[in-house]
């Protein structure tokens, strides 16, 4: 896969770029292996990581959760064997999941269960 992974690119930040910009919250974070964009996972309301793949064509992501190092290939809908990416390899361990703490609504589980998509 040409240009699907660039191990030299650092992550775009410690949270979902779009959720941070619009005051949203996320469940888990995923990092684009091509450009470092950090987006929220498919369990999150906004699903920014998958939206990033659809808009850019960058199919490979890596979990951006502490202690996780797996990769996923959206185009193949399968796990991917990827290299070590530039540090850091996760959001800060003290950052809450879901997060960030100050933006997560008290009824966050109900919001996720009630979404229509």
N, C-alpha and C. Protein backbone atom coordinates (compact mmCIF):
# COMPACT_ATOMS: atom_id res chain seq x y z
N UNK A 1 0.83 -1.18 0.00
CA UNK A 1 0.00 0.00 0.00
C UNK A 1 0.88 1.24 0.00
N UNK A 2 0.92 1.91 -1.09
CA UNK A 2 1.73 3.11 -1.23
C UNK A 2 1.18 4.23 -0.37
N UNK A 3 2.06 4.84 0.42
CA UNK A 3 1.71 6.00 1.25
C UNK A 3 0.67 5.71 2.33
N UNK A 4 0.40 4.44 2.66
CA UNK A 4 -0.59 4.12 3.68
C UNK A 4 -0.01 4.27 5.08
N UNK A 5 1.31 4.16 5.19
CA UNK A 5 1.96 4.26 6.50
C UNK A 5 3.23 5.10 6.37
N UNK A 6 3.35 6.08 7.25
CA UNK A 6 4.59 6.86 7.35
C UNK A 6 4.99 6.85 8.81
N UNK A 7 5.94 5.99 9.20
CA UNK A 7 6.30 5.85 10.61
C UNK A 7 7.00 7.06 11.21
N UNK A 8 7.34 8.06 10.39
CA UNK A 8 8.05 9.23 10.92
C UNK A 8 7.12 10.35 11.37
N UNK A 9 5.83 10.28 11.02
CA UNK A 9 4.89 11.36 11.31
C UNK A 9 4.33 11.22 12.73
N UNK A 10 4.47 12.26 13.55
CA UNK A 10 3.92 12.20 14.90
C UNK A 10 2.40 12.38 14.88
N UNK A 11 1.72 12.01 15.96
CA UNK A 11 0.27 12.21 16.04
C UNK A 11 -0.08 13.70 16.05
N UNK A 12 -1.29 14.01 15.60
CA UNK A 12 -1.73 15.40 15.49
C UNK A 12 -2.02 16.04 16.84
N UNK A 13 -2.16 15.27 17.88
CA UNK A 13 -2.44 15.79 19.21
C UNK A 13 -2.77 14.67 20.17
N UNK A 14 -3.35 15.02 21.30
CA UNK A 14 -3.67 14.01 22.32
C UNK A 14 -5.14 13.63 22.32
N UNK A 15 -5.94 14.28 21.46
CA UNK A 15 -7.36 13.98 21.38
C UNK A 15 -7.83 14.05 19.94
N UNK A 16 -9.10 13.72 19.72
CA UNK A 16 -9.68 13.78 18.39
C UNK A 16 -9.64 15.22 17.90
N UNK A 17 -9.01 15.44 16.75
CA UNK A 17 -8.83 16.80 16.23
C UNK A 17 -10.17 17.50 16.03
N UNK A 18 -11.14 16.81 15.42
CA UNK A 18 -12.44 17.44 15.15
C UNK A 18 -13.26 17.62 16.42
N UNK A 19 -13.27 16.64 17.31
CA UNK A 19 -14.01 16.79 18.57
C UNK A 19 -13.43 17.93 19.39
N UNK A 20 -12.11 18.04 19.42
CA UNK A 20 -11.49 19.15 20.14
C UNK A 20 -11.89 20.49 19.54
N UNK A 21 -11.98 20.55 18.22
CA UNK A 21 -12.33 21.80 17.55
C UNK A 21 -13.77 22.22 17.81
N UNK A 22 -14.67 21.23 17.94
CA UNK A 22 -16.09 21.58 18.11
C UNK A 22 -16.63 21.32 19.51
N UNK A 23 -15.75 21.02 20.46
CA UNK A 23 -16.19 20.82 21.85
C UNK A 23 -16.84 19.48 22.11
N UNK A 24 -16.61 18.52 21.25
CA UNK A 24 -17.20 17.19 21.41
C UNK A 24 -16.39 16.29 22.32
N UNK A 25 -16.81 15.04 22.39
CA UNK A 25 -16.14 14.03 23.23
C UNK A 25 -16.07 12.72 22.45
N UNK A 26 -15.25 11.81 22.94
CA UNK A 26 -15.01 10.56 22.24
C UNK A 26 -14.96 9.39 23.22
N UNK A 27 -15.07 8.19 22.66
CA UNK A 27 -14.94 6.97 23.47
C UNK A 27 -13.48 6.53 23.45
N UNK A 28 -12.96 6.19 22.27
CA UNK A 28 -11.56 5.80 22.11
C UNK A 28 -10.96 6.58 20.93
N UNK A 29 -9.64 6.59 20.88
CA UNK A 29 -8.94 7.34 19.84
C UNK A 29 -8.18 6.43 18.89
N UNK A 30 -8.10 6.85 17.63
CA UNK A 30 -7.38 6.14 16.59
C UNK A 30 -6.48 7.14 15.86
N UNK A 31 -5.31 6.65 15.46
CA UNK A 31 -4.30 7.49 14.80
C UNK A 31 -4.09 7.03 13.38
N UNK A 32 -4.15 7.95 12.43
CA UNK A 32 -3.88 7.63 11.04
C UNK A 32 -2.40 7.31 10.88
N UNK A 33 -2.11 6.16 10.29
CA UNK A 33 -0.72 5.75 10.11
C UNK A 33 -0.03 6.48 8.97
N UNK A 34 -0.79 7.18 8.13
CA UNK A 34 -0.20 7.92 7.02
C UNK A 34 0.17 9.34 7.40
N UNK A 35 -0.73 10.03 8.13
CA UNK A 35 -0.50 11.46 8.38
C UNK A 35 -0.53 11.85 9.86
N UNK A 36 -0.83 10.90 10.75
CA UNK A 36 -0.84 11.19 12.18
C UNK A 36 -2.13 11.76 12.72
N UNK A 37 -3.13 12.00 11.87
CA UNK A 37 -4.41 12.55 12.33
C UNK A 37 -4.99 11.66 13.43
N UNK A 38 -5.36 12.26 14.55
CA UNK A 38 -6.01 11.52 15.63
C UNK A 38 -7.50 11.81 15.55
N UNK A 39 -8.28 10.74 15.45
CA UNK A 39 -9.73 10.83 15.37
C UNK A 39 -10.40 9.87 16.33
N UNK A 40 -11.68 10.07 16.55
CA UNK A 40 -12.42 9.20 17.47
C UNK A 40 -12.87 7.92 16.75
N UNK A 41 -13.05 6.87 17.52
CA UNK A 41 -13.35 5.55 16.99
C UNK A 41 -14.80 5.42 16.53
N UNK A 42 -15.12 4.29 15.93
CA UNK A 42 -16.47 4.04 15.43
C UNK A 42 -17.50 3.85 16.54
N UNK A 43 -17.08 3.65 17.78
CA UNK A 43 -18.02 3.60 18.90
C UNK A 43 -18.37 5.00 19.39
N UNK A 44 -17.62 5.99 18.98
CA UNK A 44 -17.88 7.37 19.35
C UNK A 44 -19.03 7.92 18.50
N UNK A 45 -19.68 8.96 18.98
CA UNK A 45 -20.81 9.53 18.24
C UNK A 45 -20.41 10.04 16.86
N UNK A 46 -19.28 10.70 16.74
CA UNK A 46 -18.91 11.36 15.49
C UNK A 46 -18.10 10.49 14.53
N UNK A 47 -17.43 9.48 15.00
CA UNK A 47 -16.67 8.56 14.14
C UNK A 47 -15.71 9.28 13.20
N UNK A 48 -14.92 10.18 13.77
CA UNK A 48 -14.02 11.00 12.94
C UNK A 48 -12.88 10.22 12.31
N UNK A 49 -12.39 9.15 12.92
CA UNK A 49 -11.30 8.38 12.31
C UNK A 49 -11.75 7.78 10.98
N UNK A 50 -12.93 7.18 10.96
CA UNK A 50 -13.45 6.60 9.72
C UNK A 50 -13.75 7.69 8.70
N UNK A 51 -14.26 8.83 9.14
CA UNK A 51 -14.52 9.95 8.23
C UNK A 51 -13.22 10.44 7.61
N UNK A 52 -12.15 10.44 8.39
CA UNK A 52 -10.84 10.84 7.87
C UNK A 52 -10.41 9.89 6.76
N UNK A 53 -10.58 8.60 6.97
CA UNK A 53 -10.24 7.62 5.92
C UNK A 53 -11.04 7.89 4.65
N UNK A 54 -12.35 8.09 4.81
CA UNK A 54 -13.19 8.30 3.63
C UNK A 54 -12.82 9.59 2.88
N UNK A 55 -12.42 10.62 3.62
CA UNK A 55 -12.10 11.90 2.95
C UNK A 55 -10.68 11.96 2.40
N UNK A 56 -9.76 11.20 2.97
CA UNK A 56 -8.36 11.28 2.54
C UNK A 56 -7.88 10.05 1.77
N UNK A 57 -8.55 8.92 1.96
CA UNK A 57 -8.07 7.68 1.37
C UNK A 57 -6.96 7.03 2.18
N UNK A 58 -6.71 7.50 3.40
CA UNK A 58 -5.72 6.89 4.29
C UNK A 58 -6.39 5.74 5.04
N UNK A 59 -6.16 4.49 4.65
CA UNK A 59 -6.92 3.38 5.20
C UNK A 59 -6.40 2.78 6.52
N UNK A 60 -5.16 3.03 6.88
CA UNK A 60 -4.56 2.34 8.03
C UNK A 60 -4.59 3.24 9.26
N UNK A 61 -5.13 2.70 10.34
CA UNK A 61 -5.11 3.40 11.63
C UNK A 61 -4.44 2.50 12.66
N UNK A 62 -3.99 3.12 13.73
CA UNK A 62 -3.50 2.38 14.89
C UNK A 62 -4.26 2.90 16.10
N UNK A 63 -4.52 2.00 17.03
CA UNK A 63 -5.14 2.44 18.28
C UNK A 63 -4.25 3.49 18.91
N UNK A 64 -4.86 4.52 19.50
CA UNK A 64 -4.11 5.56 20.19
C UNK A 64 -4.46 5.51 21.68
N UNK A 65 -4.73 4.29 22.15
CA UNK A 65 -5.04 4.05 23.56
C UNK A 65 -3.81 3.46 24.26
N UNK A 66 -3.56 3.87 25.50
CA UNK A 66 -2.41 3.34 26.24
C UNK A 66 -2.45 1.81 26.30
N UNK A 67 -1.31 1.19 26.03
CA UNK A 67 -1.18 -0.26 26.12
C UNK A 67 -1.69 -1.03 24.91
N UNK A 68 -2.18 -0.33 23.88
CA UNK A 68 -2.68 -0.99 22.67
C UNK A 68 -1.78 -0.61 21.50
N UNK A 69 -1.44 -1.60 20.66
CA UNK A 69 -0.57 -1.30 19.53
C UNK A 69 -1.09 -1.88 18.21
N UNK A 70 -2.35 -2.28 18.18
CA UNK A 70 -2.90 -2.90 16.97
C UNK A 70 -3.21 -1.86 15.89
N UNK A 71 -3.16 -2.35 14.64
CA UNK A 71 -3.49 -1.55 13.46
C UNK A 71 -4.76 -2.13 12.83
N UNK A 72 -5.48 -1.28 12.09
CA UNK A 72 -6.67 -1.70 11.35
C UNK A 72 -6.61 -1.09 9.96
N UNK A 73 -7.01 -1.87 8.98
CA UNK A 73 -7.08 -1.42 7.60
C UNK A 73 -8.55 -1.29 7.22
N UNK A 74 -9.03 -0.06 7.12
CA UNK A 74 -10.43 0.16 6.77
C UNK A 74 -10.77 -0.41 5.39
N UNK A 75 -9.85 -0.30 4.44
CA UNK A 75 -10.13 -0.74 3.07
C UNK A 75 -10.30 -2.25 2.97
N UNK A 76 -9.63 -2.99 3.84
CA UNK A 76 -9.73 -4.45 3.83
C UNK A 76 -10.63 -4.98 4.95
N UNK A 77 -11.04 -4.06 5.86
CA UNK A 77 -11.84 -4.45 7.02
C UNK A 77 -11.15 -5.59 7.79
N UNK A 78 -9.85 -5.37 8.06
CA UNK A 78 -9.05 -6.41 8.68
C UNK A 78 -7.88 -5.78 9.45
N UNK A 79 -7.34 -6.56 10.39
CA UNK A 79 -6.15 -6.11 11.10
C UNK A 79 -4.99 -6.01 10.12
N UNK A 80 -4.02 -5.18 10.47
CA UNK A 80 -2.88 -4.90 9.62
C UNK A 80 -1.62 -4.98 10.47
N UNK A 81 -0.56 -5.53 9.91
CA UNK A 81 0.72 -5.59 10.60
C UNK A 81 1.51 -4.34 10.25
N UNK A 82 1.61 -3.42 11.20
CA UNK A 82 2.29 -2.16 10.93
C UNK A 82 3.56 -2.00 11.73
N UNK A 83 4.36 -1.02 11.36
CA UNK A 83 5.62 -0.76 12.06
C UNK A 83 5.39 0.10 13.30
N UNK A 84 6.43 0.30 14.06
CA UNK A 84 6.37 1.23 15.18
C UNK A 84 6.28 2.64 14.60
N UNK A 85 5.33 3.41 15.13
CA UNK A 85 5.14 4.78 14.65
C UNK A 85 5.85 5.77 15.57
N UNK A 86 6.04 6.98 15.10
CA UNK A 86 6.69 8.03 15.88
C UNK A 86 5.94 8.27 17.19
N UNK A 87 6.69 8.57 18.22
CA UNK A 87 6.12 8.82 19.54
C UNK A 87 5.33 10.13 19.55
N UNK A 88 4.37 10.25 20.45
CA UNK A 88 3.93 9.25 21.42
C UNK A 88 2.99 8.23 20.77
N UNK A 89 2.88 7.05 21.40
CA UNK A 89 2.06 5.98 20.83
C UNK A 89 0.66 5.91 21.41
N UNK A 90 0.31 6.86 22.28
CA UNK A 90 -1.04 6.92 22.84
C UNK A 90 -1.31 8.30 23.42
N UNK A 91 -2.57 8.53 23.74
CA UNK A 91 -2.90 9.74 24.49
C UNK A 91 -2.34 9.58 25.90
N UNK A 92 -2.24 10.65 26.67
CA UNK A 92 -1.71 10.54 28.03
C UNK A 92 -2.53 9.55 28.86
N UNK A 93 -1.85 8.74 29.64
CA UNK A 93 -2.54 7.72 30.45
C UNK A 93 -3.55 8.34 31.41
N UNK A 94 -3.32 9.57 31.86
CA UNK A 94 -4.24 10.22 32.80
C UNK A 94 -5.50 10.75 32.12
N UNK A 95 -5.52 10.78 30.79
CA UNK A 95 -6.70 11.26 30.06
C UNK A 95 -7.81 10.22 30.17
N UNK A 96 -9.00 10.65 30.52
CA UNK A 96 -10.10 9.72 30.76
C UNK A 96 -10.61 9.07 29.48
N UNK A 97 -11.23 7.92 29.65
CA UNK A 97 -11.91 7.19 28.57
C UNK A 97 -13.31 6.88 29.07
N UNK A 98 -14.37 7.42 28.48
CA UNK A 98 -14.32 8.38 27.40
C UNK A 98 -13.75 9.71 27.86
N UNK A 99 -13.46 10.56 26.93
CA UNK A 99 -12.83 11.81 27.28
C UNK A 99 -13.14 12.91 26.30
N UNK A 100 -12.63 14.06 26.58
CA UNK A 100 -12.02 14.43 27.84
C UNK A 100 -13.08 14.63 28.93
N UNK A 101 -12.69 14.35 30.15
CA UNK A 101 -13.60 14.29 31.29
C UNK A 101 -14.58 15.47 31.34
N UNK A 102 -14.08 16.68 31.12
CA UNK A 102 -14.92 17.86 31.29
C UNK A 102 -15.99 18.00 30.20
N UNK A 103 -15.89 17.23 29.11
CA UNK A 103 -16.88 17.33 28.03
C UNK A 103 -17.78 16.10 27.92
N UNK A 104 -17.51 15.05 28.68
CA UNK A 104 -18.32 13.84 28.60
C UNK A 104 -19.60 14.04 29.40
N UNK A 105 -20.77 13.90 28.75
CA UNK A 105 -22.02 14.09 29.48
C UNK A 105 -22.26 12.95 30.48
N UNK A 106 -22.99 13.26 31.52
CA UNK A 106 -23.28 12.26 32.56
C UNK A 106 -24.02 11.06 31.97
N UNK A 107 -24.82 11.29 30.95
CA UNK A 107 -25.60 10.20 30.34
C UNK A 107 -24.94 9.68 29.05
N UNK A 108 -23.63 9.66 28.99
CA UNK A 108 -22.92 9.32 27.76
C UNK A 108 -23.29 7.94 27.23
N UNK A 109 -23.48 6.96 28.11
CA UNK A 109 -23.84 5.62 27.62
C UNK A 109 -25.21 5.64 26.95
N UNK A 110 -26.16 6.37 27.50
CA UNK A 110 -27.48 6.48 26.89
C UNK A 110 -27.38 7.17 25.53
N UNK A 111 -26.54 8.20 25.43
CA UNK A 111 -26.36 8.89 24.14
C UNK A 111 -25.86 7.91 23.08
N UNK A 112 -24.90 7.08 23.45
CA UNK A 112 -24.37 6.11 22.49
C UNK A 112 -25.43 5.08 22.12
N UNK A 113 -26.19 4.62 23.10
CA UNK A 113 -27.22 3.61 22.84
C UNK A 113 -28.39 4.14 22.04
N UNK A 114 -28.63 5.44 22.11
CA UNK A 114 -29.79 6.05 21.44
C UNK A 114 -29.48 6.64 20.07
N UNK A 115 -28.24 6.56 19.64
CA UNK A 115 -27.93 7.17 18.35
C UNK A 115 -28.63 6.41 17.22
N UNK A 116 -28.96 7.14 16.20
CA UNK A 116 -29.60 6.53 15.03
C UNK A 116 -28.68 6.74 13.84
N UNK A 117 -28.22 5.64 13.28
CA UNK A 117 -27.34 5.74 12.11
C UNK A 117 -27.41 4.51 11.25
